[in-house]
């Protein structure tokens, strides 16, 4: 089974009678079935604060911290952007002392010959694991149904049908990474869970990856104005 990592946004959290400092957390479920919070997530803001961060993220840049505690005493990992342009972004996950935990490369769909977004994950000393967002079959089904989805959306808006203003259905999001004939990582869209199948993979790398993936999904946590 391996470890399973999930990011959750817990609104209206309270600690000691006051609003908790973090509402974005990462849960880890291990092979024994134990589930616990292992990281507290926060944007690493540049000079200029949130407006500057939001402006930079439009090009694909991301920067955030995983804290071991809510008092920010210990960093577990920091994700920084090495480059982001032309639909290709490269990120590094660094440990508490700046050591390299791993590298992520995101190549946006329809760049070059790729029809799907490609994610490459590399752990120091290990092979590159390559995964593609969604399966070709389900993308074909989604694209074929898109005109009907848009039509239903337009009709619902003009008819005032409640609960249908959220837009068209999301495209396929499942990702299976392959490396040397193995599947070390798997992101399942149901529940937004990242399954770490490789026994030698640093769980901090998995935690950084699941948080990074959530910055590229609908309602991205790091795009907030506050």
Protein backbone atom coordinates (compact mmCIF):
# COMPACT_ATOMS: atom_id res chain seq x y z
CA UNK A 1 0.00 0.00 0.00
CA UNK A 2 2.71 2.53 0.97
CA UNK A 3 2.05 6.01 2.32
CA UNK A 4 -0.89 8.14 1.22
CA UNK A 5 -0.62 11.93 1.36
CA UNK A 6 -3.59 14.27 1.20
CA UNK A 7 -3.82 18.05 1.39
CA UNK A 8 -6.88 19.49 3.05
CA UNK A 9 -8.14 23.04 3.58
CA UNK A 10 -9.84 23.22 6.98
CA UNK A 11 -11.76 26.46 7.26
CA UNK A 12 -12.69 28.09 10.56
CA UNK A 13 -10.03 26.18 12.48
CA UNK A 14 -9.66 27.26 16.10
CA UNK A 15 -6.69 26.82 18.45
CA UNK A 16 -6.96 27.78 22.09
CA UNK A 17 -10.06 29.86 21.42
CA UNK A 18 -8.53 31.86 18.55
CA UNK A 19 -8.38 31.29 14.78
CA UNK A 20 -5.63 28.77 13.99
CA UNK A 21 -2.66 30.18 12.03
CA UNK A 22 -2.98 27.56 9.29
CA UNK A 23 -5.96 26.11 7.49
CA UNK A 24 -4.01 24.18 4.81
CA UNK A 25 -2.55 20.94 6.14
CA UNK A 26 -1.11 17.68 4.81
CA UNK A 27 -2.24 14.34 6.20
CA UNK A 28 -0.19 11.16 5.96
CA UNK A 29 -1.73 7.70 6.21
CA UNK A 30 0.79 4.90 6.64
CA UNK A 31 0.53 1.14 6.11
CA UNK A 32 -0.79 0.62 9.63
CA UNK A 33 -3.80 2.79 8.83
CA UNK A 34 -2.71 5.61 11.12
CA UNK A 35 -3.56 9.09 9.80
CA UNK A 36 -2.01 12.25 11.16
CA UNK A 37 -1.22 15.83 10.21
CA UNK A 38 2.44 15.97 9.17
CA UNK A 39 2.74 19.44 7.63
CA UNK A 40 1.25 22.92 7.77
CA UNK A 41 1.31 24.75 4.45
CA UNK A 42 2.08 28.42 3.84
CA UNK A 43 3.02 30.54 0.82
CA UNK A 44 6.58 31.92 0.82
CA UNK A 45 5.86 35.50 -0.21
CA UNK A 46 8.34 37.64 -2.18
CA UNK A 47 8.93 41.37 -1.60
CA UNK A 48 5.64 42.93 -2.50
CA UNK A 49 3.62 40.35 -0.59
CA UNK A 50 0.53 38.60 -1.88
CA UNK A 51 -0.01 40.84 -4.96
CA UNK A 52 3.57 40.12 -6.13
CA UNK A 53 3.13 36.39 -5.52
CA UNK A 54 -0.15 36.29 -7.44
CA UNK A 55 1.43 38.16 -10.34
CA UNK A 56 4.41 35.76 -10.47
CA UNK A 57 2.26 32.63 -10.32
CA UNK A 58 0.59 33.53 -13.64
CA UNK A 59 3.80 32.45 -15.39
CA UNK A 60 3.85 29.18 -13.43
CA UNK A 61 6.03 30.25 -10.49
CA UNK A 62 5.26 28.81 -7.06
CA UNK A 63 6.88 29.12 -3.62
CA UNK A 64 5.68 27.63 -0.34
CA UNK A 65 6.79 26.15 2.97
CA UNK A 66 5.81 22.97 4.77
CA UNK A 67 6.08 23.51 8.52
CA UNK A 68 6.32 20.70 11.07
CA UNK A 69 4.36 22.73 13.63
CA UNK A 70 1.90 25.61 13.78
CA UNK A 71 4.39 27.85 15.56
CA UNK A 72 6.79 27.75 12.59
CA UNK A 73 9.64 26.37 14.68
CA UNK A 74 10.78 23.75 12.17
CA UNK A 75 10.69 23.68 8.38
CA UNK A 76 10.13 20.31 6.80
CA UNK A 77 10.51 21.48 3.22
CA UNK A 78 10.50 24.56 1.04
CA UNK A 79 9.47 24.53 -2.62
CA UNK A 80 11.08 27.16 -4.86
CA UNK A 81 10.85 27.91 -8.58
CA UNK A 82 14.05 27.59 -10.59
CA UNK A 83 12.47 28.70 -13.87
CA UNK A 84 9.03 29.24 -15.36
CA UNK A 85 8.45 30.30 -18.95
CA UNK A 86 6.93 29.01 -22.15
CA UNK A 87 4.64 26.63 -20.32
CA UNK A 88 7.55 24.78 -18.63
CA UNK A 89 8.27 25.24 -14.93
CA UNK A 90 11.02 23.66 -12.83
CA UNK A 91 10.76 23.49 -9.04
CA UNK A 92 13.03 22.26 -6.27
CA UNK A 93 12.00 20.87 -2.89
CA UNK A 94 14.60 21.71 -0.25
CA UNK A 95 14.98 20.33 3.25
CA UNK A 96 15.27 22.25 6.53
CA UNK A 97 18.98 22.95 5.92
CA UNK A 98 18.69 23.71 2.21
CA UNK A 99 19.53 20.18 1.08
CA UNK A 100 17.88 18.98 -2.12
CA UNK A 101 14.95 16.63 -1.55
CA UNK A 102 13.83 16.46 -5.15
CA UNK A 103 13.02 18.23 -8.40
CA UNK A 104 9.70 18.68 -10.19
CA UNK A 105 9.26 19.70 -13.82
CA UNK A 106 5.83 20.59 -15.18
CA UNK A 107 5.38 20.84 -18.93
CA UNK A 108 2.00 22.24 -19.83
CA UNK A 109 -0.24 20.39 -22.28
CA UNK A 110 0.03 21.24 -25.98
CA UNK A 111 3.61 22.42 -25.62
CA UNK A 112 5.63 20.78 -28.37
CA UNK A 113 4.10 17.39 -29.15
CA UNK A 114 2.56 16.75 -25.76
CA UNK A 115 -1.23 16.51 -25.65
CA UNK A 116 -1.28 16.17 -21.87
CA UNK A 117 0.45 17.99 -19.03
CA UNK A 118 3.63 16.13 -18.16
CA UNK A 119 5.07 15.95 -14.64
CA UNK A 120 8.61 14.71 -14.01
CA UNK A 121 9.72 13.92 -10.45
CA UNK A 122 13.35 13.21 -9.56
CA UNK A 123 14.76 12.26 -6.17
CA UNK A 124 18.55 12.67 -5.69
CA UNK A 125 20.28 9.46 -6.74
CA UNK A 126 17.10 8.04 -8.22
CA UNK A 127 15.64 7.71 -11.72
CA UNK A 128 13.28 10.23 -13.28
CA UNK A 129 9.63 9.35 -12.78
CA UNK A 130 7.39 10.65 -15.57
CA UNK A 131 3.63 11.01 -15.34
CA UNK A 132 0.93 12.43 -17.59
CA UNK A 133 -2.23 14.13 -16.41
CA UNK A 134 -5.24 11.97 -17.30
CA UNK A 135 -5.59 9.17 -19.82
CA UNK A 136 -5.94 9.89 -23.54
CA UNK A 137 -9.27 8.03 -23.65
CA UNK A 138 -10.85 10.14 -20.91
CA UNK A 139 -9.49 13.35 -22.38
CA UNK A 140 -11.17 12.44 -25.69
CA UNK A 141 -14.45 11.84 -23.87
CA UNK A 142 -14.08 15.14 -22.00
CA UNK A 143 -13.36 17.16 -25.15
CA UNK A 144 -16.27 15.56 -27.01
CA UNK A 145 -18.63 16.40 -24.15
CA UNK A 146 -17.33 19.96 -23.71
CA UNK A 147 -19.82 21.67 -26.09
CA UNK A 148 -22.71 19.99 -24.25
CA UNK A 149 -21.26 21.04 -20.87
CA UNK A 150 -21.02 24.66 -22.03
CA UNK A 151 -24.59 24.54 -23.37
CA UNK A 152 -25.90 23.19 -20.06
CA UNK A 153 -23.97 25.91 -18.20
CA UNK A 154 -25.44 28.68 -20.36
CA UNK A 155 -28.98 27.32 -20.00
CA UNK A 156 -28.60 26.97 -16.22
CA UNK A 157 -27.36 30.56 -15.88
CA UNK A 158 -30.21 32.05 -17.92
CA UNK A 159 -32.81 29.85 -16.22
CA UNK A 160 -31.46 30.72 -12.79
CA UNK A 161 -30.88 27.11 -11.78
CA UNK A 162 -29.01 27.21 -8.42
CA UNK A 163 -25.76 25.34 -7.91
CA UNK A 164 -24.74 25.29 -11.57
CA UNK A 165 -22.61 28.43 -11.80
CA UNK A 166 -19.31 26.68 -11.10
CA UNK A 167 -18.40 26.10 -14.73
CA UNK A 168 -17.89 23.00 -16.82
CA UNK A 169 -16.74 19.71 -15.36
CA UNK A 170 -13.06 19.32 -14.59
CA UNK A 171 -10.92 17.38 -17.00
CA UNK A 172 -9.20 14.11 -16.08
CA UNK A 173 -6.60 14.63 -13.34
CA UNK A 174 -5.24 11.21 -12.44
CA UNK A 175 -1.47 10.88 -12.81
CA UNK A 176 0.58 7.69 -12.75
CA UNK A 177 4.34 8.13 -12.68
CA UNK A 178 6.56 5.50 -14.30
CA UNK A 179 10.27 4.86 -13.69
CA UNK A 180 12.18 1.76 -14.73
CA UNK A 181 9.02 -0.24 -15.32
CA UNK A 182 7.68 0.62 -11.85
CA UNK A 183 5.00 3.04 -10.63
CA UNK A 184 6.54 4.88 -7.67
CA UNK A 185 3.81 7.54 -7.43
CA UNK A 186 0.15 7.82 -8.25
CA UNK A 187 -2.17 10.81 -7.84
CA UNK A 188 -5.82 9.86 -7.65
CA UNK A 189 -8.27 12.67 -8.31
CA UNK A 190 -10.91 11.07 -6.10
CA UNK A 191 -10.01 12.63 -2.76
CA UNK A 192 -6.87 14.29 -4.19
CA UNK A 193 -4.67 11.55 -2.74
CA UNK A 194 -1.04 10.94 -3.63
CA UNK A 195 -0.06 7.29 -3.18
CA UNK A 196 3.66 6.71 -2.62
CA UNK A 197 4.34 3.15 -3.77
CA UNK A 198 8.15 3.30 -3.78
CA UNK A 199 9.43 2.30 -0.31
CA UNK A 200 12.59 4.39 -0.63
CA UNK A 201 10.88 7.68 -1.50
CA UNK A 202 11.16 10.52 1.01
CA UNK A 203 7.67 11.27 2.29
CA UNK A 204 8.55 14.98 2.38
CA UNK A 205 8.95 14.86 -1.40
CA UNK A 206 5.48 13.35 -1.68
CA UNK A 207 4.06 16.02 0.63
CA UNK A 208 5.65 18.80 -1.42
CA UNK A 209 4.34 17.23 -4.62
CA UNK A 210 0.73 16.91 -3.50
CA UNK A 211 0.74 20.55 -2.34
CA UNK A 212 2.31 21.67 -5.63
CA UNK A 213 -0.28 19.74 -7.64
CA UNK A 214 -3.03 21.51 -5.73
CA UNK A 215 -1.66 24.89 -6.85
CA UNK A 216 -2.50 23.91 -10.43
CA UNK A 217 -6.05 22.74 -9.75
CA UNK A 218 -9.39 24.56 -9.69
CA UNK A 219 -9.68 26.80 -6.66
CA UNK A 220 -5.94 26.69 -6.04
CA UNK A 221 -5.15 27.34 -2.38
CA UNK A 222 -2.18 29.62 -3.15
CA UNK A 223 -4.21 31.96 -5.37
CA UNK A 224 -6.12 33.49 -2.45
CA UNK A 225 -6.15 37.25 -2.07
CA UNK A 226 -5.55 37.05 1.68
